[in-house]
Amino acid sequence: MERNELYPIFLKVNQLQVLIVGGGNVGLEKLTFLLKSSPKAQVQMVALEFLRETRELAEKHGVQLTVEPYRKGFLNGKHMVVACTDKPKVNEEVYHDCRERSILVNVADNPPFCDFYMGGIVTKGNVKVAISTNGKSPTTAKRLRQFFEDVLPEDIDDLVKNLNEYRKTLKGDFEEKVEALNEFTKGLVQKKGKHED
């Protein structure tokens, strides 16, 4: 049976330099999702032209727009790159240039040319859930995102903050703290049936 072997991480893109190559609809989509999750992300976009919506979004979030054709020099100082032009040859060039420099790269809609995928994301305050279908089904990821947005309560952030405050009051070593937190939160995951006896 095939397994999803991707390793999920949460990147501090407000401290990293991100490059998006492409200014069309897919570029706008990638920028929108990135900024929705991380409004202070450090982003530069490179394209021969940009959509009006992209320009407006970029201005609002301090995204640097560069009206030029792609060239290798744009990778200087970048940590992560998304290639989404409508020219497969340019996207593959970006991929190979990034591989040479050990820069993480994602070529939109081309899984073999991706070091990472941009999954579905649900955010409620400090709680963030990322969803991956291993690049197989963006529609499933979207449906799961909608499900978790409905299921996770808006006040879950209060729970996280309260547990964090409680954790600070605990004494003892790591194992004792884990045991105390496990006991304290056990009621959160008990099935309803157990309380209905």
C-alpha atoms as a PDB file:
ATOM      1  CA  MET A   1       0.000   0.000   0.000  1.00  0.00           C
ATOM      2  CA  GLU A   2       1.323   3.437  -0.952  1.00  0.00           C
ATOM      3  CA  ARG A   3       2.089   5.764   1.956  1.00  0.00           C
ATOM      4  CA  ASN A   4       2.523   9.516   2.225  1.00  0.00           C
ATOM      5  CA  GLU A   5       6.182   9.849   3.216  1.00  0.00           C
ATOM      6  CA  LEU A   6       6.330  13.643   3.121  1.00  0.00           C
ATOM      7  CA  TYR A   7       7.703  15.287   6.252  1.00  0.00           C
ATOM      8  CA  PRO A   8       5.505  18.203   7.418  1.00  0.00           C
ATOM      9  CA  ILE A   9       7.200  21.338   8.724  1.00  0.00           C
ATOM     10  CA  PHE A  10       5.965  24.846   9.536  1.00  0.00           C
ATOM     11  CA  LEU A  11       8.264  27.469   8.010  1.00  0.00           C
ATOM     12  CA  LYS A  12       8.778  30.959   9.436  1.00  0.00           C
ATOM     13  CA  VAL A  13       8.472  32.599   6.019  1.00  0.00           C
ATOM     14  CA  ASN A  14       8.598  36.036   7.657  1.00  0.00           C
ATOM     15  CA  GLN A  15      12.277  35.211   8.317  1.00  0.00           C
ATOM     16  CA  LEU A  16      12.989  33.481   5.007  1.00  0.00           C
ATOM     17  CA  GLN A  17      13.231  34.828   1.460  1.00  0.00           C
ATOM     18  CA  VAL A  18      10.642  33.412  -0.945  1.00  0.00           C
ATOM     19  CA  LEU A  19      10.652  33.820  -4.733  1.00  0.00           C
ATOM     20  CA  ILE A  20       7.619  33.249  -6.941  1.00  0.00           C
ATOM     21  CA  VAL A  21       8.382  33.081 -10.660  1.00  0.00           C
ATOM     22  CA  GLY A  22       5.232  33.841 -12.654  1.00  0.00           C
ATOM     23  CA  GLY A  23       2.625  36.583 -12.539  1.00  0.00           C
ATOM     24  CA  GLY A  24      -0.499  34.906 -13.910  1.00  0.00           C
ATOM     25  CA  ASN A  25      -3.473  33.242 -12.213  1.00  0.00           C
ATOM     26  CA  VAL A  26      -1.409  30.452 -10.646  1.00  0.00           C
ATOM     27  CA  GLY A  27       1.101  32.981  -9.300  1.00  0.00           C
ATOM     28  CA  LEU A  28      -1.763  34.949  -7.759  1.00  0.00           C
ATOM     29  CA  GLU A  29      -3.173  31.758  -6.233  1.00  0.00           C
ATOM     30  CA  LYS A  30       0.195  30.772  -4.717  1.00  0.00           C
ATOM     31  CA  LEU A  31       0.768  34.285  -3.351  1.00  0.00           C
ATOM     32  CA  THR A  32      -2.767  34.477  -1.945  1.00  0.00           C
ATOM     33  CA  PHE A  33      -2.497  31.187  -0.051  1.00  0.00           C
ATOM     34  CA  LEU A  34       0.983  32.024   1.214  1.00  0.00           C
ATOM     35  CA  LEU A  35      -0.083  35.432   2.529  1.00  0.00           C
ATOM     36  CA  LYS A  36      -3.341  34.092   3.953  1.00  0.00           C
ATOM     37  CA  SER A  37      -1.324  31.759   6.141  1.00  0.00           C
ATOM     38  CA  SER A  38       1.672  34.069   6.677  1.00  0.00           C
ATOM     39  CA  PRO A  39       0.729  37.739   6.083  1.00  0.00           C
ATOM     40  CA  LYS A  40       4.289  38.936   6.840  1.00  0.00           C
ATOM     41  CA  ALA A  41       6.040  36.526   4.466  1.00  0.00           C
ATOM     42  CA  GLN A  42       9.096  37.950   2.694  1.00  0.00           C
ATOM     43  CA  VAL A  43       8.243  37.507  -0.983  1.00  0.00           C
ATOM     44  CA  GLN A  44       9.604  38.638  -4.333  1.00  0.00           C
ATOM     45  CA  MET A  45       7.701  37.893  -7.534  1.00  0.00           C
ATOM     46  CA  VAL A  46       9.307  37.912 -10.971  1.00  0.00           C
ATOM     47  CA  ALA A  47       7.318  38.013 -14.215  1.00  0.00           C
ATOM     48  CA  LEU A  48       6.980  39.923 -17.454  1.00  0.00           C
ATOM     49  CA  GLU A  49       3.542  41.157 -16.344  1.00  0.00           C
ATOM     50  CA  PHE A  50       1.273  40.909 -13.303  1.00  0.00           C
ATOM     51  CA  LEU A  51      -2.481  40.772 -12.844  1.00  0.00           C
ATOM     52  CA  ARG A  52      -4.143  43.799 -11.260  1.00  0.00           C
ATOM     53  CA  GLU A  53      -5.210  41.628  -8.270  1.00  0.00           C
ATOM     54  CA  THR A  54      -1.596  40.542  -7.780  1.00  0.00           C
ATOM     55  CA  ARG A  55      -0.400  44.159  -7.787  1.00  0.00           C
ATOM     56  CA  GLU A  56      -3.022  45.122  -5.201  1.00  0.00           C
ATOM     57  CA  LEU A  57      -2.185  42.174  -2.945  1.00  0.00           C
ATOM     58  CA  ALA A  58       1.546  42.808  -3.290  1.00  0.00           C
ATOM     59  CA  GLU A  59       1.162  46.463  -2.336  1.00  0.00           C
ATOM     60  CA  LYS A  60      -0.904  45.554   0.726  1.00  0.00           C
ATOM     61  CA  HIS A  61       1.696  43.052   2.000  1.00  0.00           C
ATOM     62  CA  GLY A  62       4.985  44.616   0.895  1.00  0.00           C
ATOM     63  CA  VAL A  63       5.689  42.001  -1.775  1.00  0.00           C
ATOM     64  CA  GLN A  64       8.401  43.063  -4.219  1.00  0.00           C
ATOM     65  CA  LEU A  65       7.254  42.821  -7.856  1.00  0.00           C
ATOM     66  CA  THR A  66       9.978  42.668 -10.505  1.00  0.00           C
ATOM     67  CA  VAL A  67       8.954  43.074 -14.153  1.00  0.00           C
ATOM     68  CA  GLU A  68      11.736  41.122 -15.863  1.00  0.00           C
ATOM     69  CA  PRO A  69      12.266  37.707 -17.425  1.00  0.00           C
ATOM     70  CA  TYR A  70      13.557  35.028 -15.032  1.00  0.00           C
ATOM     71  CA  ARG A  71      17.299  34.641 -14.671  1.00  0.00           C
ATOM     72  CA  LYS A  72      19.482  32.684 -12.249  1.00  0.00           C
ATOM     73  CA  GLY A  73      20.528  35.793 -10.317  1.00  0.00           C
ATOM     74  CA  PHE A  74      17.042  36.091  -8.792  1.00  0.00           C
ATOM     75  CA  LEU A  75      17.854  33.024  -6.675  1.00  0.00           C
ATOM     76  CA  ASN A  76      20.562  34.880  -4.731  1.00  0.00           C
ATOM     77  CA  GLY A  77      19.653  34.846  -1.039  1.00  0.00           C
ATOM     78  CA  LYS A  78      16.442  32.874  -1.586  1.00  0.00           C
ATOM     79  CA  HIS A  79      15.464  29.942   0.622  1.00  0.00           C
ATOM     80  CA  MET A  80      12.362  28.747  -1.196  1.00  0.00           C
ATOM     81  CA  VAL A  81      11.078  29.126  -4.759  1.00  0.00           C
ATOM     82  CA  VAL A  82       7.751  28.525  -6.498  1.00  0.00           C
ATOM     83  CA  ALA A  83       7.788  28.369 -10.316  1.00  0.00           C
ATOM     84  CA  CYS A  84       4.411  28.887 -11.952  1.00  0.00           C
ATOM     85  CA  THR A  85       4.880  30.521 -15.341  1.00  0.00           C
ATOM     86  CA  ASP A  86       2.848  29.320 -18.340  1.00  0.00           C
ATOM     87  CA  LYS A  87       6.109  28.175 -19.976  1.00  0.00           C
ATOM     88  CA  PRO A  88       7.117  24.624 -18.891  1.00  0.00           C
ATOM     89  CA  LYS A  89      10.665  25.192 -20.180  1.00  0.00           C
ATOM     90  CA  VAL A  90      11.146  28.214 -17.876  1.00  0.00           C
ATOM     91  CA  ASN A  91       9.649  26.334 -14.898  1.00  0.00           C
ATOM     92  CA  GLU A  92      12.022  23.420 -15.440  1.00  0.00           C
ATOM     93  CA  GLU A  93      14.955  25.817 -15.771  1.00  0.00           C
ATOM     94  CA  VAL A  94      14.001  27.310 -12.382  1.00  0.00           C
ATOM     95  CA  TYR A  95      13.830  23.797 -10.924  1.00  0.00           C
ATOM     96  CA  HIS A  96      17.303  22.801 -12.167  1.00  0.00           C
ATOM     97  CA  ASP A  97      18.826  26.133 -11.090  1.00  0.00           C
ATOM     98  CA  CYS A  98      17.392  25.630  -7.585  1.00  0.00           C
ATOM     99  CA  ARG A  99      18.652  22.043  -7.379  1.00  0.00           C
ATOM    100  CA  GLU A 100      22.167  23.278  -8.238  1.00  0.00           C
ATOM    101  CA  ARG A 101      22.008  25.682  -5.289  1.00  0.00           C
ATOM    102  CA  SER A 102      20.153  23.402  -2.840  1.00  0.00           C
ATOM    103  CA  ILE A 103      17.172  25.774  -2.718  1.00  0.00           C
ATOM    104  CA  LEU A 104      13.771  24.213  -2.014  1.00  0.00           C
ATOM    105  CA  VAL A 105      11.579  24.487  -5.107  1.00  0.00           C
ATOM    106  CA  ASN A 106       8.005  23.784  -6.148  1.00  0.00           C
ATOM    107  CA  VAL A 107       6.992  23.736  -9.814  1.00  0.00           C
ATOM    108  CA  ALA A 108       3.213  24.179  -9.882  1.00  0.00           C
ATOM    109  CA  ASP A 109       1.254  21.166 -11.122  1.00  0.00           C
ATOM    110  CA  ASN A 110       4.424  19.178 -11.777  1.00  0.00           C
ATOM    111  CA  PRO A 111       5.052  16.763  -8.825  1.00  0.00           C
ATOM    112  CA  PRO A 112       8.353  15.311 -10.134  1.00  0.00           C
ATOM    113  CA  PHE A 113       9.757  18.874 -10.084  1.00  0.00           C
ATOM    114  CA  CYS A 114       8.749  19.592  -6.479  1.00  0.00           C
ATOM    115  CA  ASP A 115      10.761  19.396  -3.265  1.00  0.00           C
ATOM    116  CA  PHE A 116       7.597  20.324  -1.364  1.00  0.00           C
ATOM    117  CA  TYR A 117       3.869  20.743  -1.864  1.00  0.00           C
ATOM    118  CA  MET A 118       1.730  23.600  -0.603  1.00  0.00           C
ATOM    119  CA  GLY A 119      -1.045  21.736   1.224  1.00  0.00           C
ATOM    120  CA  GLY A 120      -4.447  22.714   2.517  1.00  0.00           C
ATOM    121  CA  ILE A 121      -4.225  24.842   5.671  1.00  0.00           C
ATOM    122  CA  VAL A 122      -6.659  25.576   8.486  1.00  0.00           C
ATOM    123  CA  THR A 123      -5.761  28.301  11.011  1.00  0.00           C
ATOM    124  CA  LYS A 124      -7.565  29.119  14.259  1.00  0.00           C
ATOM    125  CA  GLY A 125      -5.367  31.476  16.273  1.00  0.00           C
ATOM    126  CA  ASN A 126      -2.270  29.525  17.370  1.00  0.00           C
ATOM    127  CA  VAL A 127      -3.662  26.253  16.025  1.00  0.00           C
ATOM    128  CA  LYS A 128      -2.738  25.371  12.461  1.00  0.00           C
ATOM    129  CA  VAL A 129      -3.591  22.139  10.658  1.00  0.00           C
ATOM    130  CA  ALA A 130      -1.850  21.333   7.381  1.00  0.00           C
ATOM    131  CA  ILE A 131      -3.290  18.710   5.021  1.00  0.00           C
ATOM    132  CA  SER A 132      -1.431  16.725   2.371  1.00  0.00           C
ATOM    133  CA  THR A 133      -2.694  14.171  -0.141  1.00  0.00           C
ATOM    134  CA  ASN A 134       0.863  13.476  -1.342  1.00  0.00           C
ATOM    135  CA  GLY A 135       0.234  15.665  -4.376  1.00  0.00           C
ATOM    136  CA  LYS A 136      -2.489  13.284  -5.597  1.00  0.00           C
ATOM    137  CA  SER A 137      -5.717  15.205  -5.025  1.00  0.00           C
ATOM    138  CA  PRO A 138      -5.946  18.945  -4.351  1.00  0.00           C
ATOM    139  CA  THR A 139      -9.750  18.561  -4.292  1.00  0.00           C
ATOM    140  CA  THR A 140      -9.576  16.117  -1.366  1.00  0.00           C
ATOM    141  CA  ALA A 141      -7.232  18.474   0.487  1.00  0.00           C
ATOM    142  CA  LYS A 142      -9.696  21.316  -0.113  1.00  0.00           C
ATOM    143  CA  ARG A 143     -12.654  19.260   1.193  1.00  0.00           C
ATOM    144  CA  LEU A 144     -10.676  18.205   4.291  1.00  0.00           C
ATOM    145  CA  ARG A 145      -9.697  21.832   4.884  1.00  0.00           C
ATOM    146  CA  GLN A 146     -13.364  22.857   4.763  1.00  0.00           C
ATOM    147  CA  PHE A 147     -14.226  20.004   7.136  1.00  0.00           C
ATOM    148  CA  PHE A 148     -11.616  21.048   9.715  1.00  0.00           C
ATOM    149  CA  GLU A 149     -12.597  24.701   9.419  1.00  0.00           C
ATOM    150  CA  ASP A 150     -16.140  23.678  10.387  1.00  0.00           C
ATOM    151  CA  VAL A 151     -15.156  21.177  13.095  1.00  0.00           C
ATOM    152  CA  LEU A 152     -12.448  23.105  14.950  1.00  0.00           C
ATOM    153  CA  PRO A 153     -14.135  25.581  17.307  1.00  0.00           C
ATOM    154  CA  GLU A 154     -13.216  29.265  17.083  1.00  0.00           C
ATOM    155  CA  ASP A 155     -12.271  29.275  20.788  1.00  0.00           C
ATOM    156  CA  ILE A 156      -9.712  26.461  20.443  1.00  0.00           C
ATOM    157  CA  ASP A 157      -7.069  29.194  20.672  1.00  0.00           C
ATOM    158  CA  ASP A 158      -8.263  29.942  24.226  1.00  0.00           C
ATOM    159  CA  LEU A 159      -7.716  26.283  25.119  1.00  0.00           C
ATOM    160  CA  VAL A 160      -4.153  26.392  23.758  1.00  0.00           C
ATOM    161  CA  LYS A 161      -3.351  29.594  25.679  1.00  0.00           C
ATOM    162  CA  ASN A 162      -4.843  28.221  28.904  1.00  0.00           C
ATOM    163  CA  LEU A 163      -2.910  24.966  28.590  1.00  0.00           C
ATOM    164  CA  ASN A 164       0.264  26.932  27.955  1.00  0.00           C
ATOM    165  CA  GLU A 165      -0.310  28.946  31.158  1.00  0.00           C
ATOM    166  CA  TYR A 166      -1.044  25.729  33.086  1.00  0.00           C
ATOM    167  CA  ARG A 167       2.124  24.121  31.722  1.00  0.00           C
ATOM    168  CA  LYS A 168       4.198  27.058  33.059  1.00  0.00           C
ATOM    169  CA  THR A 169       2.922  26.369  36.601  1.00  0.00           C
ATOM    170  CA  LEU A 170       3.990  22.708  36.571  1.00  0.00           C
ATOM    171  CA  LYS A 171       6.978  21.614  38.615  1.00  0.00           C
ATOM    172  CA  GLY A 172       9.149  18.551  38.126  1.00  0.00           C
ATOM    173  CA  ASP A 173      11.032  17.002  35.216  1.00  0.00           C
ATOM    174  CA  PHE A 174       9.838  16.584  31.644  1.00  0.00           C
ATOM    175  CA  GLU A 175       8.139  13.217  32.232  1.00  0.00           C
ATOM    176  CA  GLU A 176       6.210  14.515  35.244  1.00  0.00           C
ATOM    177  CA  LYS A 177       5.016  17.534  33.260  1.00  0.00           C
ATOM    178  CA  VAL A 178       3.894  15.327  30.358  1.00  0.00           C
ATOM    179  CA  GLU A 179       2.030  13.054  32.784  1.00  0.00           C
ATOM    180  CA  ALA A 180       0.300  16.025  34.433  1.00  0.00           C
ATOM    181  CA  LEU A 181      -0.724  17.516  31.056  1.00  0.00           C
ATOM    182  CA  ASN A 182      -1.963  14.117  29.859  1.00  0.00           C
ATOM    183  CA  GLU A 183      -4.128  13.760  32.946  1.00  0.00           C
ATOM    184  CA  PHE A 184      -5.385  17.332  32.671  1.00  0.00           C
ATOM    185  CA  THR A 185      -6.379  16.977  28.998  1.00  0.00           C
ATOM    186  CA  LYS A 186      -7.710  13.392  29.090  1.00  0.00           C
ATOM    187  CA  GLY A 187     -11.287  14.640  29.293  1.00  0.00           C
ATOM    188  CA  LEU A 188     -10.911  16.403  25.943  1.00  0.00           C
ATOM    189  CA  VAL A 189     -10.635  13.155  24.014  1.00  0.00           C
ATOM    190  CA  GLN A 190     -12.901  10.830  25.990  1.00  0.00           C
ATOM    191  CA  LYS A 191     -15.809   9.554  23.951  1.00  0.00           C
ATOM    192  CA  LYS A 192     -19.214  10.963  24.810  1.00  0.00           C
ATOM    193  CA  GLY A 193     -20.552   7.462  25.561  1.00  0.00           C
ATOM    194  CA  LYS A 194     -18.316   7.213  28.628  1.00  0.00           C
ATOM    195  CA  HIS A 195     -20.034  10.238  30.187  1.00  0.00           C
ATOM    196  CA  GLU A 196     -23.536   8.997  29.471  1.00  0.00           C
ATOM    197  CA  ASP A 197     -23.537   5.978  31.859  1.00  0.00           C
END
